[in-house]
PDB file of N, CA and C in Angstrom:
ATOM      1  N   MET A   1      -6.611  18.010 -25.992  1.00  0.00           N
ATOM      2  CA  MET A   1      -5.271  17.924 -26.311  1.00  0.00           C
ATOM      3  C   MET A   1      -4.610  19.207 -26.237  1.00  0.00           C
ATOM      4  N   PRO A   2      -3.120  19.037 -25.905  1.00  0.00           N
ATOM      5  CA  PRO A   2      -2.376  20.151 -25.457  1.00  0.00           C
ATOM      6  C   PRO A   2      -2.144  20.871 -26.911  1.00  0.00           C
ATOM      7  N   ASN A   3      -1.908  22.390 -26.420  1.00  0.00           N
ATOM      8  CA  ASN A   3      -1.753  23.363 -27.244  1.00  0.00           C
ATOM      9  C   ASN A   3      -0.307  23.626 -27.647  1.00  0.00           C
ATOM     10  N   THR A   4       0.441  23.359 -26.595  1.00  0.00           N
ATOM     11  CA  THR A   4       1.949  23.696 -26.713  1.00  0.00           C
ATOM     12  C   THR A   4       2.879  22.457 -26.677  1.00  0.00           C
ATOM     13  N   LYS A   5       4.091  22.680 -26.858  1.00  0.00           N
ATOM     14  CA  LYS A   5       4.908  21.580 -26.832  1.00  0.00           C
ATOM     15  C   LYS A   5       5.125  21.260 -25.336  1.00  0.00           C
ATOM     16  N   SER A   6       5.455  22.317 -24.557  1.00  0.00           N
ATOM     17  CA  SER A   6       5.485  22.017 -23.086  1.00  0.00           C
ATOM     18  C   SER A   6       4.375  21.190 -22.421  1.00  0.00           C
ATOM     19  N   ALA A   7       3.152  21.610 -22.969  1.00  0.00           N
ATOM     20  CA  ALA A   7       1.915  20.597 -22.492  1.00  0.00           C
ATOM     21  C   ALA A   7       1.951  19.399 -23.066  1.00  0.00           C
ATOM     22  N   ALA A   8       2.293  19.065 -24.264  1.00  0.00           N
ATOM     23  CA  ALA A   8       2.536  17.788 -24.863  1.00  0.00           C
ATOM     24  C   ALA A   8       3.359  16.870 -23.964  1.00  0.00           C
ATOM     25  N   LYS A   9       4.517  17.626 -23.841  1.00  0.00           N
ATOM     26  CA  LYS A   9       5.406  16.770 -23.005  1.00  0.00           C
ATOM     27  C   LYS A   9       4.822  16.420 -21.505  1.00  0.00           C
ATOM     28  N   GLN A  10       4.283  17.463 -21.010  1.00  0.00           N
ATOM     29  CA  GLN A  10       3.633  17.131 -19.577  1.00  0.00           C
ATOM     30  C   GLN A  10       2.640  16.093 -19.631  1.00  0.00           C
ATOM     31  N   MET A  11       1.940  15.791 -20.785  1.00  0.00           N
ATOM     32  CA  MET A  11       1.162  14.878 -20.741  1.00  0.00           C
ATOM     33  C   MET A  11       1.706  13.544 -20.917  1.00  0.00           C
ATOM     34  N   ARG A  12       2.851  13.370 -21.646  1.00  0.00           N
ATOM     35  CA  ARG A  12       3.731  12.206 -21.727  1.00  0.00           C
ATOM     36  C   ARG A  12       4.208  11.877 -20.380  1.00  0.00           C
ATOM     37  N   VAL A  13       4.707  12.749 -19.660  1.00  0.00           N
ATOM     38  CA  VAL A  13       5.350  12.550 -18.298  1.00  0.00           C
ATOM     39  C   VAL A  13       4.330  12.095 -17.370  1.00  0.00           C
ATOM     40  N   GLN A  14       3.085  12.838 -17.535  1.00  0.00           N
ATOM     41  CA  GLN A  14       1.777  12.300 -16.536  1.00  0.00           C
ATOM     42  C   GLN A  14       1.526  10.772 -16.710  1.00  0.00           C
ATOM     43  N   GLU A  15       1.521  10.481 -18.180  1.00  0.00           N
ATOM     44  CA  GLU A  15       1.061   9.154 -18.533  1.00  0.00           C
ATOM     45  C   GLU A  15       2.112   8.030 -17.974  1.00  0.00           C
ATOM     46  N   ARG A  16       3.553   8.378 -18.098  1.00  0.00           N
ATOM     47  CA  ARG A  16       4.645   7.423 -17.492  1.00  0.00           C
ATOM     48  C   ARG A  16       4.506   7.432 -16.008  1.00  0.00           C
ATOM     49  N   ARG A  17       4.010   8.681 -15.219  1.00  0.00           N
ATOM     50  CA  ARG A  17       3.866   8.648 -13.894  1.00  0.00           C
ATOM     51  C   ARG A  17       2.757   7.839 -13.450  1.00  0.00           C
ATOM     52  N   ARG A  18       1.696   8.073 -14.216  1.00  0.00           N
ATOM     53  CA  ARG A  18       0.293   7.250 -13.959  1.00  0.00           C
ATOM     54  C   ARG A  18       0.599   5.683 -14.158  1.00  0.00           C
ATOM     55  N   LEU A  19       1.295   5.259 -15.027  1.00  0.00           N
ATOM     56  CA  LEU A  19       1.499   3.904 -15.058  1.00  0.00           C
ATOM     57  C   LEU A  19       2.282   3.254 -13.860  1.00  0.00           C
ATOM     58  N   ARG A  20       3.482   4.063 -13.559  1.00  0.00           N
ATOM     59  CA  ARG A  20       4.142   3.629 -12.456  1.00  0.00           C
ATOM     60  C   ARG A  20       3.600   3.628 -11.204  1.00  0.00           C
ATOM     61  N   ASN A  21       2.652   4.603 -11.026  1.00  0.00           N
ATOM     62  CA  ASN A  21       1.854   4.806  -9.826  1.00  0.00           C
ATOM     63  C   ASN A  21       0.821   3.689  -9.771  1.00  0.00           C
ATOM     64  N   GLN A  22       0.219   3.262 -10.772  1.00  0.00           N
ATOM     65  CA  GLN A  22      -0.791   2.387 -10.943  1.00  0.00           C
ATOM     66  C   GLN A  22      -0.183   1.013 -10.412  1.00  0.00           C
ATOM     67  N   SER A  23       1.146   0.632 -10.987  1.00  0.00           N
ATOM     68  CA  SER A  23       1.640  -0.685 -10.382  1.00  0.00           C
ATOM     69  C   SER A  23       2.072  -0.741  -9.080  1.00  0.00           C
ATOM     70  N   VAL A  24       2.697   0.449  -8.553  1.00  0.00           N
ATOM     71  CA  VAL A  24       2.915   0.464  -7.135  1.00  0.00           C
ATOM     72  C   VAL A  24       1.605   0.314  -6.169  1.00  0.00           C
ATOM     73  N   ARG A  25       0.545   1.027  -6.573  1.00  0.00           N
ATOM     74  CA  ARG A  25      -0.655   1.219  -5.923  1.00  0.00           C
ATOM     75  C   ARG A  25      -1.201  -0.427  -5.729  1.00  0.00           C
ATOM     76  N   SER A  26      -1.271  -1.125  -7.004  1.00  0.00           N
ATOM     77  CA  SER A  26      -1.842  -2.320  -7.200  1.00  0.00           C
ATOM     78  C   SER A  26      -0.924  -3.307  -6.348  1.00  0.00           C
ATOM     79  N   ALA A  27       0.436  -3.369  -6.237  1.00  0.00           N
ATOM     80  CA  ALA A  27       1.224  -4.286  -5.450  1.00  0.00           C
ATOM     81  C   ALA A  27       0.809  -3.796  -3.994  1.00  0.00           C
ATOM     82  N   THR A  28       0.936  -2.621  -3.729  1.00  0.00           N
ATOM     83  CA  THR A  28       0.534  -2.189  -2.294  1.00  0.00           C
ATOM     84  C   THR A  28      -0.822  -2.976  -1.795  1.00  0.00           C
ATOM     85  N   ARG A  29      -1.766  -2.866  -2.641  1.00  0.00           N
ATOM     86  CA  ARG A  29      -3.047  -3.410  -2.290  1.00  0.00           C
ATOM     87  C   ARG A  29      -3.149  -4.826  -2.087  1.00  0.00           C
ATOM     88  N   THR A  30      -2.218  -5.447  -3.022  1.00  0.00           N
ATOM     89  CA  THR A  30      -2.252  -6.849  -2.982  1.00  0.00           C
ATOM     90  C   THR A  30      -1.621  -7.546  -1.399  1.00  0.00           C
ATOM     91  N   PHE A  31      -0.488  -6.512  -1.251  1.00  0.00           N
ATOM     92  CA  PHE A  31       0.047  -6.981   0.204  1.00  0.00           C
ATOM     93  C   PHE A  31      -0.757  -6.699   1.287  1.00  0.00           C
ATOM     94  N   VAL A  32      -1.480  -5.748   1.262  1.00  0.00           N
ATOM     95  CA  VAL A  32      -2.665  -5.268   2.182  1.00  0.00           C
ATOM     96  C   VAL A  32      -3.815  -6.320   2.245  1.00  0.00           C
ATOM     97  N   ARG A  33      -4.126  -6.530   1.223  1.00  0.00           N
ATOM     98  CA  ARG A  33      -5.453  -7.783   1.046  1.00  0.00           C
ATOM     99  C   ARG A  33      -4.810  -9.271   1.703  1.00  0.00           C
ATOM    100  N   LYS A  34      -3.472  -9.506   1.326  1.00  0.00           N
ATOM    101  CA  LYS A  34      -3.090 -10.806   1.909  1.00  0.00           C
ATOM    102  C   LYS A  34      -2.841 -10.752   3.317  1.00  0.00           C
ATOM    103  N   ALA A  35      -2.365  -9.568   3.740  1.00  0.00           N
ATOM    104  CA  ALA A  35      -2.270  -9.406   5.176  1.00  0.00           C
ATOM    105  C   ALA A  35      -3.655  -9.321   6.040  1.00  0.00           C
ATOM    106  N   GLU A  36      -4.602  -8.814   5.476  1.00  0.00           N
ATOM    107  CA  GLU A  36      -5.990  -8.842   6.242  1.00  0.00           C
ATOM    108  C   GLU A  36      -6.478 -10.113   6.186  1.00  0.00           C
ATOM    109  N   ALA A  37      -6.099 -10.962   5.040  1.00  0.00           N
ATOM    110  CA  ALA A  37      -6.687 -12.409   4.867  1.00  0.00           C
ATOM    111  C   ALA A  37      -6.233 -13.229   5.860  1.00  0.00           C
ATOM    112  N   GLU A  38      -4.770 -13.201   6.062  1.00  0.00           N
ATOM    113  CA  GLU A  38      -4.023 -13.773   7.034  1.00  0.00           C
ATOM    114  C   GLU A  38      -4.394 -13.545   8.297  1.00  0.00           C
ATOM    115  N   ILE A  39      -4.852 -12.231   8.742  1.00  0.00           N
ATOM    116  CA  ILE A  39      -5.200 -12.000  10.085  1.00  0.00           C
ATOM    117  C   ILE A  39      -6.694 -12.714  10.246  1.00  0.00           C
ATOM    118  N   GLN A  40      -7.480 -12.396   9.202  1.00  0.00           N
ATOM    119  CA  GLN A  40      -8.894 -13.166   9.367  1.00  0.00           C
ATOM    120  C   GLN A  40      -8.797 -14.585   9.666  1.00  0.00           C
ATOM    121  N   ALA A  41      -7.641 -15.119   8.912  1.00  0.00           N
ATOM    122  CA  ALA A  41      -7.673 -16.721   9.125  1.00  0.00           C
ATOM    123  C   ALA A  41      -7.166 -17.112  10.446  1.00  0.00           C
ATOM    124  N   GLY A  42      -6.409 -16.061  10.980  1.00  0.00           N
ATOM    125  CA  GLY A  42      -5.796 -16.364  12.431  1.00  0.00           C
ATOM    126  C   GLY A  42      -4.742 -17.312  12.512  1.00  0.00           C
ATOM    127  N   GLU A  43      -4.051 -17.349  11.431  1.00  0.00           N
ATOM    128  CA  GLU A  43      -2.817 -18.324  11.317  1.00  0.00           C
ATOM    129  C   GLU A  43      -1.700 -17.452  11.844  1.00  0.00           C
ATOM    130  N   ALA A  44      -1.039 -17.878  13.026  1.00  0.00           N
ATOM    131  CA  ALA A  44      -0.071 -17.067  14.019  1.00  0.00           C
ATOM    132  C   ALA A  44       1.260 -16.997  13.486  1.00  0.00           C
ATOM    133  N   SER A  45       1.869 -18.018  12.918  1.00  0.00           N
ATOM    134  CA  SER A  45       3.435 -18.096  12.438  1.00  0.00           C
ATOM    135  C   SER A  45       3.695 -17.110  11.578  1.00  0.00           C
ATOM    136  N   PRO A  46       3.119 -17.137  10.245  1.00  0.00           N
ATOM    137  CA  PRO A  46       3.508 -16.228   9.181  1.00  0.00           C
ATOM    138  C   PRO A  46       2.808 -14.816   9.236  1.00  0.00           C
ATOM    139  N   LEU A  47       2.140 -14.693  10.125  1.00  0.00           N
ATOM    140  CA  LEU A  47       1.257 -13.478  10.205  1.00  0.00           C
ATOM    141  C   LEU A  47       2.128 -12.384  10.241  1.00  0.00           C
ATOM    142  N   ALA A  48       3.148 -12.386  11.206  1.00  0.00           N
ATOM    143  CA  ALA A  48       4.091 -11.105  11.438  1.00  0.00           C
ATOM    144  C   ALA A  48       4.859 -10.884   9.940  1.00  0.00           C
ATOM    145  N   ASP A  49       5.150 -11.853   9.208  1.00  0.00           N
ATOM    146  CA  ASP A  49       5.960 -11.427   8.135  1.00  0.00           C
ATOM    147  C   ASP A  49       5.069 -11.062   7.132  1.00  0.00           C
ATOM    148  N   VAL A  50       3.960 -11.434   6.826  1.00  0.00           N
ATOM    149  CA  VAL A  50       2.895 -10.754   5.976  1.00  0.00           C
ATOM    150  C   VAL A  50       2.355  -9.424   6.063  1.00  0.00           C
ATOM    151  N   VAL A  51       2.103  -9.050   7.666  1.00  0.00           N
ATOM    152  CA  VAL A  51       1.950  -7.926   7.938  1.00  0.00           C
ATOM    153  C   VAL A  51       3.052  -6.710   7.693  1.00  0.00           C
ATOM    154  N   ARG A  52       4.333  -7.424   8.031  1.00  0.00           N
ATOM    155  CA  ARG A  52       5.594  -6.580   7.840  1.00  0.00           C
ATOM    156  C   ARG A  52       5.830  -6.230   6.207  1.00  0.00           C
ATOM    157  N   GLN A  53       5.365  -7.248   5.469  1.00  0.00           N
ATOM    158  CA  GLN A  53       5.396  -6.921   3.980  1.00  0.00           C
ATOM    159  C   GLN A  53       4.605  -5.907   3.663  1.00  0.00           C
ATOM    160  N   ALA A  54       3.513  -5.818   4.111  1.00  0.00           N
ATOM    161  CA  ALA A  54       2.249  -4.913   3.804  1.00  0.00           C
ATOM    162  C   ALA A  54       2.710  -3.610   4.205  1.00  0.00           C
ATOM    163  N   ILE A  55       3.190  -3.428   5.517  1.00  0.00           N
ATOM    164  CA  ILE A  55       3.472  -1.876   5.987  1.00  0.00           C
ATOM    165  C   ILE A  55       4.804  -1.643   5.193  1.00  0.00           C
ATOM    166  N   GLY A  56       5.760  -2.530   4.852  1.00  0.00           N
ATOM    167  CA  GLY A  56       7.021  -2.059   3.833  1.00  0.00           C
ATOM    168  C   GLY A  56       6.270  -1.491   2.454  1.00  0.00           C
ATOM    169  N   ALA A  57       5.398  -2.312   1.909  1.00  0.00           N
ATOM    170  CA  ALA A  57       4.746  -1.775   0.755  1.00  0.00           C
ATOM    171  C   ALA A  57       3.997  -0.364   0.843  1.00  0.00           C
ATOM    172  N   LEU A  58       3.175  -0.008   2.076  1.00  0.00           N
ATOM    173  CA  LEU A  58       2.741   1.207   2.371  1.00  0.00           C
ATOM    174  C   LEU A  58       3.705   2.202   2.509  1.00  0.00           C
ATOM    175  N   ASP A  59       4.953   1.732   2.974  1.00  0.00           N
ATOM    176  CA  ASP A  59       5.959   2.905   3.420  1.00  0.00           C
ATOM    177  C   ASP A  59       6.463   3.182   1.829  1.00  0.00           C
ATOM    178  N   ARG A  60       6.700   2.078   1.152  1.00  0.00           N
ATOM    179  CA  ARG A  60       7.449   2.618  -0.166  1.00  0.00           C
ATOM    180  C   ARG A  60       6.536   3.493  -1.173  1.00  0.00           C
ATOM    181  N   ALA A  61       5.229   3.288  -0.909  1.00  0.00           N
ATOM    182  CA  ALA A  61       4.182   3.924  -1.887  1.00  0.00           C
ATOM    183  C   ALA A  61       4.326   5.286  -1.312  1.00  0.00           C
ATOM    184  N   ALA A  62       4.183   5.525   0.070  1.00  0.00           N
ATOM    185  CA  ALA A  62       4.316   6.832   0.522  1.00  0.00           C
ATOM    186  C   ALA A  62       5.533   7.738   0.146  1.00  0.00           C
ATOM    187  N   LYS A  63       6.672   6.645   0.189  1.00  0.00           N
ATOM    188  CA  LYS A  63       7.987   7.549  -0.130  1.00  0.00           C
ATOM    189  C   LYS A  63       7.994   7.818  -1.600  1.00  0.00           C
ATOM    190  N   LYS A  64       7.437   6.988  -2.599  1.00  0.00           N
ATOM    191  CA  LYS A  64       7.399   7.372  -3.847  1.00  0.00           C
ATOM    192  C   LYS A  64       6.526   8.541  -4.127  1.00  0.00           C
ATOM    193  N   GLY A  65       5.555   8.926  -3.346  1.00  0.00           N
ATOM    194  CA  GLY A  65       4.402   9.734  -3.693  1.00  0.00           C
ATOM    195  C   GLY A  65       3.247   9.300  -4.154  1.00  0.00           C
ATOM    196  N   VAL A  66       2.915   8.131  -4.249  1.00  0.00           N
ATOM    197  CA  VAL A  66       2.060   7.357  -4.810  1.00  0.00           C
ATOM    198  C   VAL A  66       0.730   7.504  -3.953  1.00  0.00           C
ATOM    199  N   ILE A  67       0.854   7.410  -2.634  1.00  0.00           N
ATOM    200  CA  ILE A  67       0.109   7.670  -1.600  1.00  0.00           C
ATOM    201  C   ILE A  67       0.391   8.748  -0.551  1.00  0.00           C
ATOM    202  N   HIS A  68      -0.469   9.521  -0.095  1.00  0.00           N
ATOM    203  CA  HIS A  68      -0.206  10.475   0.978  1.00  0.00           C
ATOM    204  C   HIS A  68       0.417   9.833   2.296  1.00  0.00           C
ATOM    205  N   PRO A  69       1.320  10.450   2.671  1.00  0.00           N
ATOM    206  CA  PRO A  69       2.209   9.794   4.039  1.00  0.00           C
ATOM    207  C   PRO A  69       1.047   9.463   5.078  1.00  0.00           C
ATOM    208  N   ASN A  70       0.120  10.373   5.256  1.00  0.00           N
ATOM    209  CA  ASN A  70      -0.891  10.048   6.278  1.00  0.00           C
ATOM    210  C   ASN A  70      -1.816   8.978   6.118  1.00  0.00           C
ATOM    211  N   ASN A  71      -2.146   8.938   4.804  1.00  0.00           N
ATOM    212  CA  ASN A  71      -2.880   7.725   4.225  1.00  0.00           C
ATOM    213  C   ASN A  71      -2.146   6.471   4.584  1.00  0.00           C
ATOM    214  N   ALA A  72      -0.843   6.333   4.472  1.00  0.00           N
ATOM    215  CA  ALA A  72       0.002   5.085   4.604  1.00  0.00           C
ATOM    216  C   ALA A  72      -0.094   4.938   6.048  1.00  0.00           C
ATOM    217  N   ALA A  73       0.127   5.861   6.951  1.00  0.00           N
ATOM    218  CA  ALA A  73       0.227   5.686   8.403  1.00  0.00           C
ATOM    219  C   ALA A  73      -1.051   5.219   8.965  1.00  0.00           C
ATOM    220  N   ARG A  74      -2.378   5.802   8.508  1.00  0.00           N
ATOM    221  CA  ARG A  74      -3.607   5.443   8.989  1.00  0.00           C
ATOM    222  C   ARG A  74      -3.886   3.909   8.654  1.00  0.00           C
ATOM    223  N   ARG A  75      -3.497   3.507   7.178  1.00  0.00           N
ATOM    224  CA  ARG A  75      -3.520   2.038   6.983  1.00  0.00           C
ATOM    225  C   ARG A  75      -2.678   1.196   7.803  1.00  0.00           C
ATOM    226  N   LYS A  76      -1.520   1.479   8.040  1.00  0.00           N
ATOM    227  CA  LYS A  76      -0.712   0.703   8.947  1.00  0.00           C
ATOM    228  C   LYS A  76      -1.033   0.635  10.337  1.00  0.00           C
ATOM    229  N   SER A  77      -1.557   1.719  10.695  1.00  0.00           N
ATOM    230  CA  SER A  77      -2.328   1.745  12.091  1.00  0.00           C
ATOM    231  C   SER A  77      -3.401   0.797  12.292  1.00  0.00           C
ATOM    232  N   ARG A  78      -4.275   0.745  11.280  1.00  0.00           N
ATOM    233  CA  ARG A  78      -5.477  -0.078  11.198  1.00  0.00           C
ATOM    234  C   ARG A  78      -5.124  -1.626  10.894  1.00  0.00           C
ATOM    235  N   LEU A  79      -4.047  -1.749  10.090  1.00  0.00           N
ATOM    236  CA  LEU A  79      -3.547  -2.995  10.022  1.00  0.00           C
ATOM    237  C   LEU A  79      -3.146  -3.613  11.497  1.00  0.00           C
ATOM    238  N   MET A  80      -2.282  -2.826  12.105  1.00  0.00           N
ATOM    239  CA  MET A  80      -1.610  -3.139  13.417  1.00  0.00           C
ATOM    240  C   MET A  80      -2.559  -3.414  14.339  1.00  0.00           C
ATOM    241  N   LYS A  81      -3.662  -2.675  14.401  1.00  0.00           N
ATOM    242  CA  LYS A  81      -4.704  -2.717  15.330  1.00  0.00           C
ATOM    243  C   LYS A  81      -5.552  -4.217  14.960  1.00  0.00           C
ATOM    244  N   ARG A  82      -5.834  -4.413  13.859  1.00  0.00           N
ATOM    245  CA  ARG A  82      -6.733  -5.775  13.603  1.00  0.00           C
ATOM    246  C   ARG A  82      -5.556  -6.916  14.008  1.00  0.00           C
ATOM    247  N   LEU A  83      -4.209  -6.720  13.743  1.00  0.00           N
ATOM    248  CA  LEU A  83      -3.429  -7.862  14.042  1.00  0.00           C
ATOM    249  C   LEU A  83      -3.246  -8.044  15.675  1.00  0.00           C
ATOM    250  N   ASN A  84      -3.294  -6.874  16.399  1.00  0.00           N
ATOM    251  CA  ASN A  84      -3.205  -6.986  17.858  1.00  0.00           C
ATOM    252  C   ASN A  84      -4.441  -7.500  18.469  1.00  0.00           C
ATOM    253  N   ARG A  85      -5.494  -7.042  17.742  1.00  0.00           N
ATOM    254  CA  ARG A  85      -6.935  -7.666  18.320  1.00  0.00           C
ATOM    255  C   ARG A  85      -7.177  -9.260  18.096  1.00  0.00           C
ATOM    256  N   GLN A  86      -6.390  -9.653  16.932  1.00  0.00           N
ATOM    257  CA  GLN A  86      -6.300 -11.241  16.845  1.00  0.00           C
ATOM    258  C   GLN A  86      -5.424 -11.781  17.534  1.00  0.00           C
ATOM    259  N   ALA A  87      -4.312 -11.143  17.932  1.00  0.00           N
ATOM    260  CA  ALA A  87      -3.546 -11.748  18.890  1.00  0.00           C
ATOM    261  C   ALA A  87      -3.978 -11.787  20.309  1.00  0.00           C
ATOM    262  N   ASP A  88      -4.761 -10.810  20.754  1.00  0.00           N
ATOM    263  CA  ASP A  88      -5.478 -10.906  22.038  1.00  0.00           C
ATOM    264  C   ASP A  88      -6.680 -11.822  22.115  1.00  0.00           C
ATOM    265  N   ALA A  89      -7.375 -12.156  20.964  1.00  0.00           N
ATOM    266  CA  ALA A  89      -8.232 -13.147  20.847  1.00  0.00           C
ATOM    267  C   ALA A  89      -7.694 -14.412  21.108  1.00  0.00           C
ATOM    268  N   GLN A  90      -6.558 -14.665  20.412  1.00  0.00           N
ATOM    269  CA  GLN A  90      -5.938 -16.136  20.224  1.00  0.00           C
ATOM    270  C   GLN A  90      -5.427 -16.253  21.923  1.00  0.00           C
ATOM    271  N   ALA A  91      -4.875 -15.471  22.579  1.00  0.00           N
ATOM    272  CA  ALA A  91      -4.293 -15.558  23.831  1.00  0.00           C
ATOM    273  C   ALA A  91      -5.074 -15.557  24.926  1.00  0.00           C
TER     274      ALA A  91
END
């Protein structure tokens, strides 16, 4: 438990941030999972849109400080690598 008024306020602030971060992180994971599932399925037409949404979600999460920018960059890179590998296999 907090011992001072400022510590109590900081706990309240941290809880608000935790809830916001949790929803942003969950939405980001959902977009990334959908993109990975589409890549596995190999459906060509909506593939770029789903991956673009996932990359946008990762960028927004990094911008808000929910995940580290290098984490977002790494995950985007891996996603694009899978997408390109799938495109090469289809061609």
